[in-house]
Amino acid sequence: MKRNWRALNKELFAPMRRASRDYGLIQEGDRICVGLSGGKDSTLLLYSLAVLQRTLPVDFQVKAMSVDMGWENDYSSHKRLCAELDIPFDIVETNIGPIVFEERKEKNPCSLCARMRRGAVNNWAAENDCNKVALGHHLDDVIETLLMSLFYEGRLHTFAPYAYLSRADVTVIRPLIFVKEADIQRAVKKLDLPVMHNACPADGFTQRSKEKELITTLSKENPGLRDRMMHAVTAGLWTDHLTMP
């Protein structure tokens, strides 16, 4: 690899190794499918897993796939990245975007869209002999989801570092859960990784965007807020509900 990934150990690879060690995310013989949206998170996840293939003391495989939403996105730069990393890459053509926004005209499109995309990724993984699906959720996603659950569902809940899906017979893993979004942005810039424009009409107007703004505001008044919230999750929610796979 020609990109200088060694300079990113503290903010990127050390947290990823911690997540894998603490929750058994990457194990010997794993065949991992990366759901590559083309955004900064999934693109960095793909690159990072390629580095970990060379540096972790376990042997595992990585494949990449993208769900084309029907908006004619250009995947050429990500095809070149996968070729550089020697990772197989496939694109699944769908009409999820037009179905959600044009045919059904969903008032709250994110939930349905996410379910359909997850279904396409999980089905591809199962059909292509992958036992795990890696998603690009990071530390900020964890605490934003926690707030959304508290404010709108009246419960304390967020997604887990891993989850076995019996229907698809795959395990979803989130290797970036201890990596902050700001560190992801810096890493993508340092590594000069390609990032695809998000063509979703709802981008920037979701409830998650509002929680992101709230956390940013609160963090200015309370330095270290993100770290303390994440500590509450790891010491409480995940400790109570997770056992290592």
C-alpha atoms as a PDB file:
ATOM      1  CA  MET A   1       0.000   0.000   0.000  1.00  0.00           C
ATOM      2  CA  LYS A   2       1.389   3.378  -1.010  1.00  0.00           C
ATOM      3  CA  ARG A   3      -0.787   5.470   1.337  1.00  0.00           C
ATOM      4  CA  ASN A   4       0.740   6.424   4.698  1.00  0.00           C
ATOM      5  CA  TRP A   5      -1.607   4.525   7.028  1.00  0.00           C
ATOM      6  CA  ARG A   6       1.025   4.122   9.772  1.00  0.00           C
ATOM      7  CA  ALA A   7       0.536   7.750  10.838  1.00  0.00           C
ATOM      8  CA  LEU A   8      -3.091   6.963  11.783  1.00  0.00           C
ATOM      9  CA  ASN A   9      -2.478   4.299  14.406  1.00  0.00           C
ATOM     10  CA  LYS A  10      -3.626   6.238  17.485  1.00  0.00           C
ATOM     11  CA  GLU A  11      -6.909   7.662  16.183  1.00  0.00           C
ATOM     12  CA  LEU A  12      -7.889   4.860  13.794  1.00  0.00           C
ATOM     13  CA  PHE A  13      -6.188   1.498  14.051  1.00  0.00           C
ATOM     14  CA  ALA A  14      -5.753   1.343  17.826  1.00  0.00           C
ATOM     15  CA  PRO A  15      -9.520   1.880  18.383  1.00  0.00           C
ATOM     16  CA  MET A  16     -10.313  -0.685  15.679  1.00  0.00           C
ATOM     17  CA  ARG A  17      -8.011  -3.269  17.238  1.00  0.00           C
ATOM     18  CA  ARG A  18      -9.607  -2.555  20.630  1.00  0.00           C
ATOM     19  CA  ALA A  19     -13.107  -3.101  19.204  1.00  0.00           C
ATOM     20  CA  SER A  20     -12.062  -6.369  17.598  1.00  0.00           C
ATOM     21  CA  ARG A  21     -10.293  -7.550  20.755  1.00  0.00           C
ATOM     22  CA  ASP A  22     -13.081  -6.577  23.170  1.00  0.00           C
ATOM     23  CA  TYR A  23     -15.970  -7.947  21.097  1.00  0.00           C
ATOM     24  CA  GLY A  24     -14.410 -10.607  18.868  1.00  0.00           C
ATOM     25  CA  LEU A  25     -15.298  -8.741  15.678  1.00  0.00           C
ATOM     26  CA  ILE A  26     -12.557 -10.124  13.430  1.00  0.00           C
ATOM     27  CA  GLN A  27     -11.650 -13.765  13.889  1.00  0.00           C
ATOM     28  CA  GLU A  28      -9.608 -16.460  12.176  1.00  0.00           C
ATOM     29  CA  GLY A  29     -11.192 -17.620   8.933  1.00  0.00           C
ATOM     30  CA  ASP A  30     -13.776 -14.822   8.720  1.00  0.00           C
ATOM     31  CA  ARG A  31     -15.104 -13.893   5.288  1.00  0.00           C
ATOM     32  CA  ILE A  32     -16.158 -10.271   5.667  1.00  0.00           C
ATOM     33  CA  CYS A  33     -18.432  -8.360   3.309  1.00  0.00           C
ATOM     34  CA  VAL A  34     -18.037  -4.580   3.470  1.00  0.00           C
ATOM     35  CA  GLY A  35     -21.212  -2.676   2.638  1.00  0.00           C
ATOM     36  CA  LEU A  36     -19.575   0.081   0.595  1.00  0.00           C
ATOM     37  CA  SER A  37     -21.899   3.067   0.183  1.00  0.00           C
ATOM     38  CA  GLY A  38     -19.076   5.195  -1.172  1.00  0.00           C
ATOM     39  CA  GLY A  39     -19.275   7.700   1.695  1.00  0.00           C
ATOM     40  CA  LYS A  40     -16.363   8.540   3.968  1.00  0.00           C
ATOM     41  CA  ASP A  41     -17.229   5.985   6.684  1.00  0.00           C
ATOM     42  CA  SER A  42     -17.582   2.865   4.578  1.00  0.00           C
ATOM     43  CA  THR A  43     -14.675   3.848   2.317  1.00  0.00           C
ATOM     44  CA  LEU A  44     -12.343   4.262   5.292  1.00  0.00           C
ATOM     45  CA  LEU A  45     -13.664   1.010   6.771  1.00  0.00           C
ATOM     46  CA  LEU A  46     -12.786  -0.834   3.571  1.00  0.00           C
ATOM     47  CA  TYR A  47      -9.283   0.605   3.482  1.00  0.00           C
ATOM     48  CA  SER A  48      -8.730  -0.061   7.195  1.00  0.00           C
ATOM     49  CA  LEU A  49      -9.779  -3.700   6.928  1.00  0.00           C
ATOM     50  CA  ALA A  50      -7.324  -4.117   4.067  1.00  0.00           C
ATOM     51  CA  VAL A  51      -4.581  -2.786   6.371  1.00  0.00           C
ATOM     52  CA  LEU A  52      -5.696  -5.037   9.240  1.00  0.00           C
ATOM     53  CA  GLN A  53      -5.523  -8.027   6.887  1.00  0.00           C
ATOM     54  CA  ARG A  54      -1.789  -7.386   6.786  1.00  0.00           C
ATOM     55  CA  THR A  55      -1.250  -6.458  10.435  1.00  0.00           C
ATOM     56  CA  LEU A  56      -3.601  -8.524  12.621  1.00  0.00           C
ATOM     57  CA  PRO A  57      -2.400 -11.993  13.669  1.00  0.00           C
ATOM     58  CA  VAL A  58      -5.481 -13.637  12.121  1.00  0.00           C
ATOM     59  CA  ASP A  59      -6.225 -14.744   8.581  1.00  0.00           C
ATOM     60  CA  PHE A  60      -9.467 -13.329   7.164  1.00  0.00           C
ATOM     61  CA  GLN A  61     -10.882 -12.378   3.776  1.00  0.00           C
ATOM     62  CA  VAL A  62     -12.559  -9.137   2.674  1.00  0.00           C
ATOM     63  CA  LYS A  63     -15.038  -8.567  -0.140  1.00  0.00           C
ATOM     64  CA  ALA A  64     -16.797  -5.316  -1.014  1.00  0.00           C
ATOM     65  CA  MET A  65     -20.231  -4.663  -2.463  1.00  0.00           C
ATOM     66  CA  SER A  66     -22.294  -1.563  -3.155  1.00  0.00           C
ATOM     67  CA  VAL A  67     -26.059  -1.281  -3.377  1.00  0.00           C
ATOM     68  CA  ASP A  68     -26.837   1.020  -6.289  1.00  0.00           C
ATOM     69  CA  MET A  69     -29.966   2.875  -5.207  1.00  0.00           C
ATOM     70  CA  GLY A  70     -31.088   3.639  -8.743  1.00  0.00           C
ATOM     71  CA  TRP A  71     -29.537   7.120  -8.902  1.00  0.00           C
ATOM     72  CA  GLU A  72     -26.806   6.273 -11.426  1.00  0.00           C
ATOM     73  CA  ASN A  73     -23.893   6.836  -9.067  1.00  0.00           C
ATOM     74  CA  ASP A  74     -20.366   6.641 -10.464  1.00  0.00           C
ATOM     75  CA  TYR A  75     -18.435   3.859  -8.713  1.00  0.00           C
ATOM     76  CA  SER A  76     -15.325   4.089 -10.900  1.00  0.00           C
ATOM     77  CA  SER A  77     -13.089   5.600  -8.178  1.00  0.00           C
ATOM     78  CA  HIS A  78     -14.118   2.896  -5.705  1.00  0.00           C
ATOM     79  CA  LYS A  79     -13.496   0.203  -8.293  1.00  0.00           C
ATOM     80  CA  ARG A  80      -9.961   1.542  -8.625  1.00  0.00           C
ATOM     81  CA  LEU A  81      -9.538   1.602  -4.835  1.00  0.00           C
ATOM     82  CA  CYS A  82     -10.660  -2.021  -4.531  1.00  0.00           C
ATOM     83  CA  ALA A  83      -8.259  -2.989  -7.318  1.00  0.00           C
ATOM     84  CA  GLU A  84      -5.447  -1.176  -5.454  1.00  0.00           C
ATOM     85  CA  LEU A  85      -6.326  -3.075  -2.270  1.00  0.00           C
ATOM     86  CA  ASP A  86      -6.789  -6.384  -4.126  1.00  0.00           C
ATOM     87  CA  ILE A  87     -10.347  -6.705  -2.795  1.00  0.00           C
ATOM     88  CA  PRO A  88     -13.153  -8.165  -4.967  1.00  0.00           C
ATOM     89  CA  PHE A  89     -15.917  -5.611  -5.635  1.00  0.00           C
ATOM     90  CA  ASP A  90     -19.484  -6.060  -6.844  1.00  0.00           C
ATOM     91  CA  ILE A  91     -22.394  -3.687  -7.463  1.00  0.00           C
ATOM     92  CA  VAL A  92     -26.011  -4.740  -6.882  1.00  0.00           C
ATOM     93  CA  GLU A  93     -28.423  -2.745  -9.022  1.00  0.00           C
ATOM     94  CA  THR A  94     -31.708  -1.804  -7.299  1.00  0.00           C
ATOM     95  CA  ASN A  95     -34.566   0.691  -7.566  1.00  0.00           C
ATOM     96  CA  ILE A  96     -34.705   1.378  -3.831  1.00  0.00           C
ATOM     97  CA  GLY A  97     -34.357   5.150  -4.265  1.00  0.00           C
ATOM     98  CA  PRO A  98     -37.198   5.614  -6.775  1.00  0.00           C
ATOM     99  CA  ILE A  99     -39.425   3.173  -4.860  1.00  0.00           C
ATOM    100  CA  VAL A 100     -39.015   5.008  -1.551  1.00  0.00           C
ATOM    101  CA  PHE A 101     -39.060   8.610  -2.779  1.00  0.00           C
ATOM    102  CA  GLU A 102     -41.078   8.553  -6.016  1.00  0.00           C
ATOM    103  CA  GLU A 103     -43.487   5.617  -5.934  1.00  0.00           C
ATOM    104  CA  ARG A 104     -44.268   5.418  -2.214  1.00  0.00           C
ATOM    105  CA  LYS A 105     -43.393   9.045  -1.409  1.00  0.00           C
ATOM    106  CA  GLU A 106     -42.563   8.118   2.178  1.00  0.00           C
ATOM    107  CA  LYS A 107     -42.885  10.953   4.694  1.00  0.00           C
ATOM    108  CA  ASN A 108     -40.193   9.291   6.812  1.00  0.00           C
ATOM    109  CA  PRO A 109     -38.102   7.508   4.171  1.00  0.00           C
ATOM    110  CA  CYS A 110     -34.992   6.633   6.186  1.00  0.00           C
ATOM    111  CA  SER A 111     -36.382   3.610   8.020  1.00  0.00           C
ATOM    112  CA  LEU A 112     -37.741   1.840   4.933  1.00  0.00           C
ATOM    113  CA  CYS A 113     -34.702   2.737   2.847  1.00  0.00           C
ATOM    114  CA  ALA A 114     -32.334   1.400   5.519  1.00  0.00           C
ATOM    115  CA  ARG A 115     -34.242  -1.876   5.821  1.00  0.00           C
ATOM    116  CA  MET A 116     -34.194  -2.420   2.066  1.00  0.00           C
ATOM    117  CA  ARG A 117     -30.488  -1.608   1.806  1.00  0.00           C
ATOM    118  CA  ARG A 118     -29.625  -3.868   4.741  1.00  0.00           C
ATOM    119  CA  GLY A 119     -31.622  -6.662   3.158  1.00  0.00           C
ATOM    120  CA  ALA A 120     -29.729  -6.302  -0.130  1.00  0.00           C
ATOM    121  CA  VAL A 121     -26.341  -6.290   1.629  1.00  0.00           C
ATOM    122  CA  ASN A 122     -27.155  -9.272   3.862  1.00  0.00           C
ATOM    123  CA  ASN A 123     -28.546 -11.307   0.964  1.00  0.00           C
ATOM    124  CA  TRP A 124     -25.451 -10.624  -1.125  1.00  0.00           C
ATOM    125  CA  ALA A 125     -23.198 -11.616   1.765  1.00  0.00           C
ATOM    126  CA  ALA A 126     -25.026 -14.904   2.300  1.00  0.00           C
ATOM    127  CA  GLU A 127     -25.003 -15.686  -1.426  1.00  0.00           C
ATOM    128  CA  ASN A 128     -21.273 -14.957  -1.682  1.00  0.00           C
ATOM    129  CA  ASP A 129     -20.104 -17.120   1.226  1.00  0.00           C
ATOM    130  CA  CYS A 130     -19.505 -14.281   3.692  1.00  0.00           C
ATOM    131  CA  ASN A 131     -20.179 -15.011   7.357  1.00  0.00           C
ATOM    132  CA  LYS A 132     -19.908 -11.367   8.440  1.00  0.00           C
ATOM    133  CA  VAL A 133     -21.058  -7.980   7.167  1.00  0.00           C
ATOM    134  CA  ALA A 134     -18.980  -4.948   8.212  1.00  0.00           C
ATOM    135  CA  LEU A 135     -20.753  -1.592   8.442  1.00  0.00           C
ATOM    136  CA  GLY A 136     -19.175   1.840   8.834  1.00  0.00           C
ATOM    137  CA  HIS A 137     -20.964   3.070  11.972  1.00  0.00           C
ATOM    138  CA  HIS A 138     -18.657   5.071  14.235  1.00  0.00           C
ATOM    139  CA  LEU A 139     -18.619   6.467  17.800  1.00  0.00           C
ATOM    140  CA  ASP A 140     -20.750   9.494  16.939  1.00  0.00           C
ATOM    141  CA  ASP A 141     -23.367   7.223  15.329  1.00  0.00           C
ATOM    142  CA  VAL A 142     -23.560   5.224  18.564  1.00  0.00           C
ATOM    143  CA  ILE A 143     -24.324   8.215  20.773  1.00  0.00           C
ATOM    144  CA  GLU A 144     -26.633   9.881  18.227  1.00  0.00           C
ATOM    145  CA  THR A 145     -28.678   6.683  18.096  1.00  0.00           C
ATOM    146  CA  LEU A 146     -28.739   6.595  21.894  1.00  0.00           C
ATOM    147  CA  LEU A 147     -30.219  10.101  22.033  1.00  0.00           C
ATOM    148  CA  MET A 148     -32.763   9.349  19.311  1.00  0.00           C
ATOM    149  CA  SER A 149     -33.869   6.276  21.232  1.00  0.00           C
ATOM    150  CA  LEU A 150     -34.222   8.267  24.456  1.00  0.00           C
ATOM    151  CA  PHE A 151     -36.009  11.262  22.945  1.00  0.00           C
ATOM    152  CA  TYR A 152     -38.370   9.499  20.536  1.00  0.00           C
ATOM    153  CA  GLU A 153     -38.815   5.966  21.902  1.00  0.00           C
ATOM    154  CA  GLY A 154     -38.544   6.539  25.647  1.00  0.00           C
ATOM    155  CA  ARG A 155     -35.810   3.938  26.141  1.00  0.00           C
ATOM    156  CA  LEU A 156     -32.028   3.680  26.337  1.00  0.00           C
ATOM    157  CA  HIS A 157     -30.872   1.744  23.305  1.00  0.00           C
ATOM    158  CA  THR A 158     -28.275   1.895  20.562  1.00  0.00           C
ATOM    159  CA  PHE A 159     -26.852  -0.554  18.051  1.00  0.00           C
ATOM    160  CA  ALA A 160     -24.290  -3.109  19.206  1.00  0.00           C
ATOM    161  CA  PRO A 161     -20.722  -3.787  18.034  1.00  0.00           C
ATOM    162  CA  TYR A 162     -22.012  -7.051  16.554  1.00  0.00           C
ATOM    163  CA  ALA A 163     -25.331  -8.791  15.983  1.00  0.00           C
ATOM    164  CA  TYR A 164     -26.120 -12.225  14.595  1.00  0.00           C
ATOM    165  CA  LEU A 165     -28.961 -12.196  12.070  1.00  0.00           C
ATOM    166  CA  SER A 166     -30.473 -15.657  12.035  1.00  0.00           C
ATOM    167  CA  ARG A 167     -32.671 -15.067   8.996  1.00  0.00           C
ATOM    168  CA  ALA A 168     -29.715 -14.113   6.793  1.00  0.00           C
ATOM    169  CA  ASP A 169     -27.252 -16.312   8.740  1.00  0.00           C
ATOM    170  CA  VAL A 170     -24.665 -13.517   8.901  1.00  0.00           C
ATOM    171  CA  THR A 171     -23.145 -11.527  11.750  1.00  0.00           C
ATOM    172  CA  VAL A 172     -23.078  -7.746  11.442  1.00  0.00           C
ATOM    173  CA  ILE A 173     -19.933  -6.127  12.856  1.00  0.00           C
ATOM    174  CA  ARG A 174     -19.038  -2.463  13.350  1.00  0.00           C
ATOM    175  CA  PRO A 175     -15.233  -2.164  13.582  1.00  0.00           C
ATOM    176  CA  LEU A 176     -15.287   1.676  13.732  1.00  0.00           C
ATOM    177  CA  ILE A 177     -17.446   1.991  16.876  1.00  0.00           C
ATOM    178  CA  PHE A 178     -14.595   3.517  18.924  1.00  0.00           C
ATOM    179  CA  VAL A 179     -13.491   5.904  16.142  1.00  0.00           C
ATOM    180  CA  LYS A 180     -14.792   9.487  16.212  1.00  0.00           C
ATOM    181  CA  GLU A 181     -16.309  11.012  13.096  1.00  0.00           C
ATOM    182  CA  ALA A 182     -13.832  13.899  13.185  1.00  0.00           C
ATOM    183  CA  ASP A 183     -10.959  11.382  13.126  1.00  0.00           C
ATOM    184  CA  ILE A 184     -12.580   9.606  10.181  1.00  0.00           C
ATOM    185  CA  GLN A 185     -12.771  12.887   8.275  1.00  0.00           C
ATOM    186  CA  ARG A 186      -9.106  13.599   8.955  1.00  0.00           C
ATOM    187  CA  ALA A 187      -8.045  10.069   8.026  1.00  0.00           C
ATOM    188  CA  VAL A 188      -9.915  10.138   4.721  1.00  0.00           C
ATOM    189  CA  LYS A 189      -8.195  13.416   3.868  1.00  0.00           C
ATOM    190  CA  LYS A 190      -4.735  12.181   4.909  1.00  0.00           C
ATOM    191  CA  LEU A 191      -5.135   8.971   2.908  1.00  0.00           C
ATOM    192  CA  ASP A 192      -6.669  10.782  -0.079  1.00  0.00           C
ATOM    193  CA  LEU A 193      -9.511   8.272  -0.282  1.00  0.00           C
ATOM    194  CA  PRO A 194     -12.348   8.730  -2.785  1.00  0.00           C
ATOM    195  CA  VAL A 195     -15.710   9.830  -1.353  1.00  0.00           C
ATOM    196  CA  MET A 196     -18.916   9.636  -3.357  1.00  0.00           C
ATOM    197  CA  HIS A 197     -21.500  12.406  -3.150  1.00  0.00           C
ATOM    198  CA  ASN A 198     -24.660  11.287  -1.339  1.00  0.00           C
ATOM    199  CA  ALA A 199     -27.501  11.651  -3.844  1.00  0.00           C
ATOM    200  CA  CYS A 200     -30.217  10.911  -1.275  1.00  0.00           C
ATOM    201  CA  PRO A 201     -32.839  13.728  -1.251  1.00  0.00           C
ATOM    202  CA  ALA A 202     -33.070  13.425   2.557  1.00  0.00           C
ATOM    203  CA  ASP A 203     -29.354  13.875   3.186  1.00  0.00           C
ATOM    204  CA  GLY A 204     -28.824  16.580   5.810  1.00  0.00           C
ATOM    205  CA  PHE A 205     -32.512  16.776   6.717  1.00  0.00           C
ATOM    206  CA  THR A 206     -32.909  13.683   8.892  1.00  0.00           C
ATOM    207  CA  GLN A 207     -33.543  13.410  12.609  1.00  0.00           C
ATOM    208  CA  ARG A 208     -30.012  12.093  13.001  1.00  0.00           C
ATOM    209  CA  SER A 209     -28.710  15.357  11.545  1.00  0.00           C
ATOM    210  CA  LYS A 210     -30.506  17.240  14.324  1.00  0.00           C
ATOM    211  CA  GLU A 211     -28.976  15.020  17.017  1.00  0.00           C
ATOM    212  CA  LYS A 212     -25.550  15.527  15.445  1.00  0.00           C
ATOM    213  CA  GLU A 213     -25.988  19.296  15.729  1.00  0.00           C
ATOM    214  CA  LEU A 214     -27.167  18.955  19.342  1.00  0.00           C
ATOM    215  CA  ILE A 215     -24.149  16.873  20.373  1.00  0.00           C
ATOM    216  CA  THR A 216     -21.798  19.311  18.629  1.00  0.00           C
ATOM    217  CA  THR A 217     -23.341  22.216  20.551  1.00  0.00           C
ATOM    218  CA  LEU A 218     -23.244  20.397  23.889  1.00  0.00           C
ATOM    219  CA  SER A 219     -19.652  19.278  23.303  1.00  0.00           C
ATOM    220  CA  LYS A 220     -18.527  22.887  22.975  1.00  0.00           C
ATOM    221  CA  GLU A 221     -19.902  23.568  26.452  1.00  0.00           C
ATOM    222  CA  ASN A 222     -18.827  20.182  27.867  1.00  0.00           C
ATOM    223  CA  PRO A 223     -15.453  19.036  26.479  1.00  0.00           C
ATOM    224  CA  GLY A 224     -15.146  15.242  26.551  1.00  0.00           C
ATOM    225  CA  LEU A 225     -18.910  14.713  26.298  1.00  0.00           C
ATOM    226  CA  ARG A 226     -18.623  12.150  23.509  1.00  0.00           C
ATOM    227  CA  ASP A 227     -16.103  10.086  25.460  1.00  0.00           C
ATOM    228  CA  ARG A 228     -18.264  10.125  28.605  1.00  0.00           C
ATOM    229  CA  MET A 229     -21.388   9.111  26.695  1.00  0.00           C
ATOM    230  CA  MET A 230     -19.493   6.282  25.022  1.00  0.00           C
ATOM    231  CA  HIS A 231     -18.202   5.150  28.412  1.00  0.00           C
ATOM    232  CA  ALA A 232     -21.802   4.982  29.638  1.00  0.00           C
ATOM    233  CA  VAL A 233     -22.693   2.783  26.673  1.00  0.00           C
ATOM    234  CA  THR A 234     -19.750   0.408  27.045  1.00  0.00           C
ATOM    235  CA  ALA A 235     -20.060   0.177  30.838  1.00  0.00           C
ATOM    236  CA  GLY A 236     -23.848  -0.106  30.813  1.00  0.00           C
ATOM    237  CA  LEU A 237     -25.808  -1.088  27.709  1.00  0.00           C
ATOM    238  CA  TRP A 238     -23.224  -3.295  26.056  1.00  0.00           C
ATOM    239  CA  THR A 239     -22.037  -4.880  29.289  1.00  0.00           C
ATOM    240  CA  ASP A 240     -25.618  -5.801  30.162  1.00  0.00           C
ATOM    241  CA  HIS A 241     -26.658  -7.146  26.777  1.00  0.00           C
ATOM    242  CA  LEU A 242     -23.566  -8.492  25.008  1.00  0.00           C
ATOM    243  CA  THR A 243     -21.489 -11.605  25.352  1.00  0.00           C
ATOM    244  CA  MET A 244     -18.530 -12.111  23.063  1.00  0.00           C
ATOM    245  CA  PRO A 245     -19.444 -14.279  20.025  1.00  0.00           C
END
